[in-house]
Amino acid sequence: MSERLKQIINKQSQQQNMTTQHSESIVQLVGFIIGEEEYAVPILSIQEIIKPIPWTRVPQTPPYIIGVFNLRGSVIPLIDLRTKFGLRPKKHNEDTRFFVLKQGNDVAGFVIDRLTMAIRIKKSDIGPAPDTVAGDDSMIDGVGKQEDRILTILKVNKLLERDF
């Protein structure tokens, strides 16, 4: 191999390592509002985000389970995060969205008040869950800090946990 080719290969290898290290330090999230607070979940756990569609109520479920809806042939439970978080239900408006989370075989739809944005945040800017909610039972994975705001990062596995 020529010296020039070796230099090019080494340079590409170094750039690839730098890109890998850089991407490992960034977490990609999707932000949304429930009530007055901003929350986020990892972008890769979201199957899709849709405008509200008709759903069917299901009897004898907890109050935060609105019902089920049909998404391209799959029947998916629909959970109102306002009610789950202890807030009063709110009538849907033009900002209301359903987002479908998926982790492994677990899938559920969640009603959110409003989407904010896709968020890229450094892992170093994510702190642990507050001591008052720390533990395996907590829905909070961590707290992300950006210049002008704080957002609560939720655990997808806890949101998808079936307790109904």
Protein backbone atom coordinates (compact mmCIF):
# COMPACT_ATOMS: atom_id res chain seq x y z
CA MET A 1 0.00 0.00 0.00
CA SER A 2 1.26 3.42 -0.82
CA GLU A 3 2.08 5.93 1.91
CA ARG A 4 -0.61 8.31 0.66
CA LEU A 5 -3.29 5.57 0.82
CA LYS A 6 -2.25 4.71 4.39
CA GLN A 7 -2.58 8.37 5.37
CA ILE A 8 -6.08 8.58 3.87
CA ILE A 9 -7.19 5.39 5.62
CA ASN A 10 -5.77 6.59 8.96
CA LYS A 11 -7.48 9.97 8.57
CA GLN A 12 -10.84 8.32 7.79
CA SER A 13 -10.44 6.00 10.76
CA GLN A 14 -9.72 8.94 13.07
CA GLN A 15 -12.73 10.87 11.74
CA GLN A 16 -14.96 7.84 12.20
CA ASN A 17 -13.75 7.39 15.80
CA MET A 18 -14.37 11.08 16.52
CA THR A 19 -17.88 10.84 15.02
CA THR A 20 -18.63 7.73 17.07
CA GLN A 21 -17.39 9.37 20.27
CA HIS A 22 -19.33 12.54 19.47
CA SER A 23 -22.60 10.69 18.74
CA GLU A 24 -22.26 8.60 21.90
CA SER A 25 -22.26 11.76 24.01
CA ILE A 26 -25.50 13.11 22.48
CA VAL A 27 -28.99 11.87 23.39
CA GLN A 28 -31.82 12.47 20.94
CA LEU A 29 -35.23 13.07 22.48
CA VAL A 30 -38.68 14.26 21.52
CA GLY A 31 -40.10 16.92 23.80
CA PHE A 32 -43.77 17.40 24.66
CA ILE A 33 -45.96 19.33 27.07
CA ILE A 34 -48.35 17.90 29.65
CA GLY A 35 -50.04 20.65 31.64
CA GLU A 36 -47.37 23.26 32.27
CA GLU A 37 -44.37 20.91 32.26
CA GLU A 38 -42.08 19.72 29.48
CA TYR A 39 -41.20 16.05 29.24
CA ALA A 40 -39.18 14.01 26.77
CA VAL A 41 -38.67 10.43 25.64
CA PRO A 42 -35.92 8.92 23.49
CA ILE A 43 -36.67 9.49 19.82
CA LEU A 44 -35.97 5.85 18.91
CA SER A 45 -38.77 4.61 21.18
CA ILE A 46 -41.42 6.55 19.24
CA GLN A 47 -43.12 4.51 16.54
CA GLU A 48 -45.11 7.47 15.29
CA ILE A 49 -46.88 10.70 16.18
CA ILE A 50 -50.40 11.32 14.88
CA LYS A 51 -53.30 13.70 15.23
CA PRO A 52 -56.08 12.29 17.43
CA ILE A 53 -58.20 9.60 15.80
CA PRO A 54 -61.39 7.90 17.05
CA TRP A 55 -60.99 5.41 19.86
CA THR A 56 -63.23 2.94 21.68
CA ARG A 57 -63.75 3.10 25.42
CA VAL A 58 -62.97 -0.04 27.41
CA PRO A 59 -64.90 -0.71 30.63
CA GLN A 60 -63.29 -1.50 33.98
CA THR A 61 -59.92 0.08 33.30
CA PRO A 62 -58.12 2.74 35.36
CA PRO A 63 -59.25 6.34 34.69
CA TYR A 64 -56.09 7.17 32.70
CA ILE A 65 -56.86 4.45 30.14
CA ILE A 66 -59.10 6.24 27.65
CA GLY A 67 -59.66 3.13 25.55
CA VAL A 68 -58.15 1.51 22.49
CA PHE A 69 -57.65 2.63 18.90
CA ASN A 70 -56.95 0.87 15.63
CA LEU A 71 -53.71 1.83 13.94
CA ARG A 72 -53.35 0.03 10.62
CA GLY A 73 -54.86 -3.19 11.96
CA SER A 74 -53.22 -3.14 15.39
CA VAL A 75 -55.40 -2.48 18.43
CA ILE A 76 -53.42 -0.22 20.77
CA PRO A 77 -54.29 0.97 24.29
CA LEU A 78 -54.62 4.74 24.63
CA ILE A 79 -53.35 6.39 27.82
CA ASP A 80 -54.06 9.99 28.82
CA LEU A 81 -50.81 11.26 30.37
CA ARG A 82 -52.61 14.24 31.97
CA THR A 83 -54.76 11.86 34.02
CA LYS A 84 -51.86 9.48 34.70
CA PHE A 85 -49.82 12.40 36.06
CA GLY A 86 -52.67 13.52 38.34
CA LEU A 87 -53.91 16.45 36.23
CA ARG A 88 -57.51 17.07 35.24
CA PRO A 89 -58.50 15.82 31.80
CA LYS A 90 -58.59 18.43 29.05
CA LYS A 91 -60.62 18.56 25.88
CA HIS A 92 -58.52 17.81 22.80
CA ASN A 93 -57.61 20.77 20.61
CA GLU A 94 -55.55 21.41 17.47
CA ASP A 95 -52.29 20.92 19.43
CA THR A 96 -53.26 17.55 20.95
CA ARG A 97 -51.33 14.57 19.59
CA PHE A 98 -51.15 10.83 20.11
CA PHE A 99 -47.71 9.34 20.13
CA VAL A 100 -47.17 5.62 19.89
CA LEU A 101 -44.30 4.23 21.94
CA LYS A 102 -42.80 0.84 21.28
CA GLN A 103 -40.24 -1.14 23.22
CA GLY A 104 -39.87 -4.79 22.33
CA ASN A 105 -43.39 -6.22 22.06
CA ASP A 106 -44.94 -3.51 24.24
CA VAL A 107 -46.85 -0.81 22.37
CA ALA A 108 -49.17 1.91 23.64
CA GLY A 109 -50.54 5.24 22.51
CA PHE A 110 -50.30 8.33 24.71
CA VAL A 111 -52.28 11.55 24.59
CA ILE A 112 -50.10 14.63 24.97
CA ASP A 113 -51.13 18.28 25.12
CA ARG A 114 -48.57 19.54 22.63
CA LEU A 115 -45.34 18.55 20.89
CA THR A 116 -42.38 20.84 21.39
CA MET A 117 -39.40 19.71 19.31
CA ALA A 118 -36.74 17.14 18.64
CA ILE A 119 -34.02 17.71 21.21
CA ARG A 120 -30.34 16.87 21.06
CA ILE A 121 -28.78 17.07 24.49
CA LYS A 122 -25.36 16.04 25.80
CA LYS A 123 -25.36 13.14 28.25
CA SER A 124 -23.35 15.35 30.57
CA ASP A 125 -26.32 17.78 30.68
CA ILE A 126 -28.65 15.06 31.97
CA GLY A 127 -28.79 14.70 35.72
CA PRO A 128 -30.28 11.85 37.75
CA ALA A 129 -33.91 11.81 38.81
CA PRO A 130 -34.54 13.87 41.96
CA ASP A 131 -34.02 11.98 45.22
CA THR A 132 -37.72 12.25 46.00
CA VAL A 133 -38.59 10.07 43.00
CA ALA A 134 -35.41 8.04 42.52
CA GLY A 135 -35.71 4.29 42.35
CA ASP A 136 -36.81 1.53 40.04
CA ASP A 137 -40.51 2.42 40.42
CA SER A 138 -40.01 5.98 39.24
CA MET A 139 -41.15 6.99 35.77
CA ILE A 140 -38.37 9.59 35.64
CA ASP A 141 -35.13 8.59 33.97
CA GLY A 142 -33.39 11.92 34.45
CA VAL A 143 -33.55 15.68 34.20
CA GLY A 144 -32.15 17.41 31.12
CA LYS A 145 -30.76 20.93 31.44
CA GLN A 146 -30.57 23.39 28.58
CA GLU A 147 -29.86 27.13 28.65
CA ASP A 148 -33.39 28.30 29.29
CA ARG A 149 -35.27 25.21 30.41
CA ILE A 150 -35.36 21.95 32.29
CA LEU A 151 -37.11 18.89 30.95
CA THR A 152 -38.04 15.65 32.62
CA ILE A 153 -36.91 12.57 30.71
CA LEU A 154 -39.30 9.66 31.17
CA LYS A 155 -38.56 5.93 31.23
CA VAL A 156 -40.25 4.29 28.27
CA ASN A 157 -40.43 0.90 29.98
CA LYS A 158 -42.34 2.46 32.92
CA LEU A 159 -44.75 4.27 30.61
CA LEU A 160 -45.44 1.00 28.78
CA GLU A 161 -45.76 -1.06 31.96
CA ARG A 162 -49.17 -2.71 32.11
CA ASP A 163 -50.83 -2.19 35.46
CA PHE A 164 -54.35 -2.59 34.13
